[in-house]
Protein backbone atom coordinates (compact mmCIF):
# COMPACT_ATOMS: atom_id res chain seq x y z
CA MET A 1 -5.93 -3.58 2.63
CA TYR A 2 -3.74 -5.23 5.19
CA CYS A 3 -0.12 -6.31 5.17
CA VAL A 4 -0.04 -9.77 6.76
CA ASN A 5 2.91 -11.74 8.20
CA ILE A 6 3.04 -14.82 5.97
CA LYS A 7 4.47 -17.00 8.74
CA ASN A 8 1.84 -16.51 11.40
CA GLY A 9 -1.01 -14.57 9.73
CA ALA A 10 -0.69 -11.56 12.01
CA LYS A 11 -1.84 -8.21 10.59
CA MET A 12 1.21 -5.96 10.44
CA LYS A 13 -0.10 -2.82 8.76
CA LYS A 14 -3.30 -1.41 7.37
CA PHE A 15 -3.41 0.63 4.16
CA CYS A 16 -6.36 3.08 4.01
CA LYS A 17 -7.81 5.10 1.16
CA PRO A 18 -7.71 8.88 1.58
CA ASP A 19 -10.69 10.13 3.64
CA LYS A 20 -12.26 11.97 0.70
CA HIS A 21 -12.82 8.61 -1.09
CA VAL A 22 -14.09 6.52 1.86
CA ASP A 23 -17.87 6.95 1.39
CA LYS A 24 -17.89 6.87 -2.41
CA GLU A 25 -18.42 3.82 -4.63
CA VAL A 26 -16.86 0.51 -3.82
CA GLU A 27 -13.57 -0.09 -5.62
CA TYR A 28 -12.58 -3.70 -6.26
CA ILE A 29 -8.85 -4.17 -6.53
CA SER A 30 -7.84 -6.22 -9.53
CA SER A 31 -4.07 -5.96 -9.32
CA ILE A 32 -1.41 -5.32 -6.65
CA ILE A 33 2.28 -4.66 -7.14
CA TYR A 34 4.81 -4.25 -4.33
CA TRP A 35 7.69 -2.15 -5.61
CA GLY A 36 10.98 -1.59 -3.81
CA GLN A 37 13.71 0.72 -5.05
CA THR A 38 17.11 1.65 -3.72
CA ASP A 39 17.24 5.33 -2.73
CA PRO A 40 20.71 6.77 -2.04
CA ASP A 41 19.11 9.89 -0.47
CA ASP A 42 17.26 7.86 2.16
CA GLU A 43 18.95 6.77 5.42
CA ASP A 44 17.70 3.23 5.07
CA GLY A 45 18.62 3.14 1.38
CA GLN A 46 15.33 1.54 0.39
CA ARG A 47 11.95 3.00 -0.68
CA ASN A 48 8.89 0.70 -0.82
CA TRP A 49 5.46 1.29 -2.37
CA LEU A 50 2.30 -0.72 -2.77
CA ILE A 51 0.54 0.05 -6.03
CA THR A 52 -3.04 -1.05 -6.70
CA GLY A 53 -5.28 -0.93 -9.73
CA SER A 54 -9.03 -1.55 -10.02
CA TRP A 55 -11.45 -2.37 -12.86
CA ASP A 56 -12.78 1.20 -12.81
CA THR A 57 -9.32 2.45 -13.93
CA LYS A 58 -8.34 3.92 -10.55
CA GLN A 59 -4.78 3.46 -9.37
CA ARG A 60 -3.50 4.17 -5.89
CA VAL A 61 0.06 4.32 -4.53
CA TYR A 62 0.67 3.64 -0.85
CA ASP A 63 3.99 4.40 0.87
CA ASP A 64 5.26 1.42 2.90
CA ASN A 65 8.35 3.01 4.44
CA ASP A 66 6.93 4.09 7.79
CA PRO A 67 5.74 0.98 9.71
CA ASP A 68 3.46 3.05 12.00
CA ASP A 69 1.81 5.10 9.26
CA LYS A 70 -1.57 4.02 7.84
């Protein structure tokens, strides 16, 4: 999955599955939720996650706080 700049279409970040799941069956994403929450313990005060679900009942949570992390 990619995070894309809606204004110019540039890819900003890539979200990857953990390596142990890369060569297994194909998982089709059926739902995506972007969730932000205020975190008083964090310097920036905001925590962001991308949550996906697929038809085979697998859910994945991706941390979107570090812009350089994949």
